[in-house]
Protein backbone atom coordinates (compact mmCIF):
# COMPACT_ATOMS: atom_id res chain seq x y z
CA MET A 1 1.26 35.57 -31.87
CA LYS A 2 0.38 33.17 -29.47
CA MET A 3 3.52 33.44 -27.82
CA ILE A 4 3.57 37.38 -27.65
CA VAL A 5 0.16 37.23 -25.88
CA ALA A 6 1.38 34.69 -23.44
CA LEU A 7 4.23 36.83 -23.03
CA ILE A 8 2.17 39.82 -22.16
CA VAL A 9 -0.18 37.84 -19.71
CA GLY A 10 3.04 36.63 -18.00
CA VAL A 11 4.31 40.16 -17.67
CA LEU A 12 1.08 41.48 -16.26
CA VAL A 13 0.72 38.61 -13.72
CA GLY A 14 4.24 39.40 -12.49
CA ALA A 15 3.69 42.92 -12.35
CA ALA A 16 0.48 42.36 -10.34
CA ALA A 17 2.44 39.99 -8.09
CA VAL A 18 5.03 42.52 -7.19
CA PHE A 19 2.45 45.18 -7.06
CA PHE A 20 0.39 43.05 -4.51
CA TYR A 21 3.82 42.20 -2.24
CA ALA A 22 5.01 45.71 -2.51
CA THR A 23 1.67 46.78 -0.53
CA SER A 24 1.87 46.50 3.31
CA GLN A 25 -0.98 44.33 3.19
CA GLY A 26 0.55 41.80 0.44
CA ARG A 27 3.58 41.65 2.74
CA ALA A 28 1.40 41.01 5.79
CA THR A 29 -0.49 38.19 3.83
CA VAL A 30 2.80 36.79 2.75
CA LYS A 31 4.32 36.91 6.36
CA ALA A 32 1.02 35.35 7.75
CA THR A 33 1.06 32.47 5.08
CA GLY A 34 4.53 31.71 5.87
CA GLY A 35 3.97 31.57 9.82
CA GLN A 36 0.99 29.24 9.37
CA ILE A 37 3.00 26.93 6.89
CA GLU A 38 5.95 27.14 9.74
CA THR A 39 3.43 26.10 12.45
CA THR A 40 1.79 23.14 10.55
CA THR A 41 5.13 21.90 9.56
CA LYS A 42 6.23 22.14 13.16
CA SER A 43 3.44 20.37 14.41
CA ALA A 44 3.61 17.55 11.85
CA ARG A 45 7.33 17.10 12.49
CA ASP A 46 6.63 17.12 16.23
CA GLY A 47 3.82 14.24 15.95
CA LEU A 48 6.24 12.13 13.64
CA GLN A 49 9.25 12.62 16.23
CA GLU A 50 6.88 11.58 19.14
CA LYS A 51 5.64 8.59 17.01
CA MET A 52 9.16 7.52 16.35
CA LYS A 53 10.33 7.77 19.83
CA GLN A 54 6.98 5.74 20.81
CA TYR A 55 8.22 2.87 18.44
CA ASN A 56 12.11 3.36 19.59
CA LEU A 57 12.71 4.46 16.04
CA THR A 58 15.04 7.50 16.72
CA PRO A 59 18.13 7.60 14.27
CA GLU A 60 20.17 6.82 17.52
CA GLN A 61 18.27 3.74 18.44
CA ILE A 62 18.42 2.50 14.81
CA LYS A 63 21.97 2.91 14.71
CA ALA A 64 22.67 1.04 17.91
CA ASP A 65 20.43 -1.87 16.84
CA LEU A 66 22.50 -1.84 13.37
CA THR A 67 25.81 -1.95 15.21
CA ARG A 68 24.61 -4.68 17.74
CA THR A 69 22.70 -7.06 15.31
CA GLY A 70 22.77 -5.60 11.74
CA GLN A 71 18.93 -5.51 11.58
CA VAL A 72 16.40 -3.65 13.36
CA VAL A 73 13.21 -5.15 14.96
CA ARG A 74 10.02 -3.59 16.43
CA ARG A 75 6.74 -5.47 17.29
CA LYS A 76 3.52 -3.55 17.83
CA ALA A 77 2.44 -5.06 21.11
CA ALA A 78 -1.09 -3.99 20.86
CA GLU A 79 -1.45 -6.21 17.90
CA ALA A 80 1.06 -9.00 18.21
CA GLY A 81 -1.48 -11.64 19.08
CA GLN A 82 -4.02 -10.80 16.55
CA ALA A 83 -4.40 -13.30 13.52
CA LEU A 84 -4.73 -12.32 9.92
CA ALA A 85 -8.17 -13.33 8.41
CA ASP A 86 -7.32 -14.79 5.01
CA ALA A 87 -4.30 -16.23 2.93
CA THR A 88 -4.24 -12.69 0.97
CA ALA A 89 -3.76 -10.53 3.81
CA ASP A 90 -0.04 -10.72 3.70
CA ALA A 91 -0.11 -9.50 -0.23
CA ARG A 92 -2.32 -6.77 0.63
CA THR A 93 -0.30 -5.66 3.38
CA THR A 94 2.70 -5.73 1.36
CA GLY A 95 0.91 -3.84 -1.56
CA ALA A 96 -0.18 -1.16 0.79
CA ILE A 97 3.18 -0.67 2.26
CA LYS A 98 4.67 -0.41 -1.32
CA ALA A 99 2.20 2.11 -2.23
CA ARG A 100 2.81 4.29 0.81
CA LEU A 101 6.66 4.13 -0.03
CA VAL A 102 5.74 5.18 -3.45
CA ALA A 103 3.93 8.18 -2.18
CA HIS A 104 6.47 9.13 0.36
CA PRO A 105 8.85 11.80 -0.82
CA ASP A 106 11.91 10.84 1.19
CA LEU A 107 11.90 7.02 0.40
CA SER A 108 12.63 5.28 -2.88
CA ALA A 109 10.08 2.21 -3.27
CA MET A 110 12.47 1.06 -6.08
CA ASN A 111 15.37 0.77 -3.73
CA ILE A 112 13.18 -1.17 -0.76
CA THR A 113 11.75 -4.36 -0.78
CA VAL A 114 8.96 -5.54 1.11
CA ASN A 115 8.06 -9.12 2.19
CA THR A 116 5.08 -10.08 4.77
CA THR A 117 4.60 -13.42 6.05
CA GLU A 118 1.84 -13.97 8.87
CA GLY A 119 1.93 -10.27 9.48
CA VAL A 120 6.04 -9.84 9.74
CA VAL A 121 6.93 -7.24 7.37
CA THR A 122 10.67 -7.44 6.40
CA LEU A 123 12.23 -4.40 4.56
CA SER A 124 15.52 -4.67 2.57
CA GLY A 125 17.59 -2.76 0.37
CA SER A 126 19.13 0.55 0.74
CA VAL A 127 18.41 4.07 1.56
CA ASN A 128 20.19 7.34 2.38
CA SER A 129 20.32 7.35 6.07
CA ALA A 130 19.14 5.94 9.46
CA GLU A 131 16.44 8.39 9.65
CA ASP A 132 15.14 7.03 6.32
CA ILE A 133 15.29 3.48 7.87
CA SER A 134 13.20 5.04 10.92
CA LYS A 135 10.72 6.58 8.38
CA ALA A 136 10.12 3.42 6.33
CA MET A 137 9.70 1.23 9.57
CA LEU A 138 7.24 3.73 11.04
CA LEU A 139 5.61 3.73 7.69
CA ALA A 140 5.36 -0.15 7.83
CA MET A 141 4.28 -0.20 11.58
CA GLU A 142 1.31 2.19 10.74
CA THR A 143 -0.17 -0.18 8.13
CA ASP A 144 -3.15 -2.47 9.08
CA GLY A 145 -2.06 -5.84 9.45
CA VAL A 146 1.30 -5.52 10.52
CA LYS A 147 2.49 -7.31 13.44
CA GLU A 148 6.12 -6.83 13.45
CA VAL A 149 8.76 -5.14 11.30
CA ILE A 150 12.13 -6.45 10.60
CA SER A 151 14.48 -4.10 8.85
CA VAL A 152 17.66 -5.32 6.92
CA LEU A 153 17.89 -1.93 5.29
CA GLN A 154 21.61 -0.70 4.77
CA VAL A 155 22.77 2.85 4.55
CA ARG A 156 24.35 3.54 1.19
CA GLN A 157 27.96 4.06 1.44
CA ALA A 158 28.17 7.40 -0.63
CA ALA A 159 25.40 8.81 1.91
CA LYS A 160 27.92 7.77 4.74
CA LYS A 161 30.83 9.15 3.34
CA GLN A 162 28.90 12.58 2.69
CA ALA A 163 27.67 12.46 6.27
CA LYS A 164 31.27 12.29 7.70
CA VAL A 165 32.27 15.28 5.41
């Protein structure tokens, strides 16, 4: 009996959604909402790209650094001289970066190792693309207590092969 009631309610909700979309007001509402989402997404993407440029974290710069030295190092000039207040600061920094990696939809905290020593963060492991290295480094650089980020992250071979196809 519960299944039949649930089915009827589902059909009614679906019919109401179709009716609402079929009206000109419904289409206008959907179109306006889509426009707002597109504008917000573009703004967020532009902000992220600007920060990546600011820290020299564009995919091209990451690839060039990886080719030249096998690692990527960036310093936050404004905070490079700032000393850490206590011995637990590195552990807190590592924990904060790991938490941000867990929350990031494009990065896998399971595949990225984070080590912090005196405010210098080292990222190691594997990611899908050079862009993911940029995202991980930006995420780390924007964490309080970080003076420098060194990445020895590697782009997975399967991801490289798919990018070539």
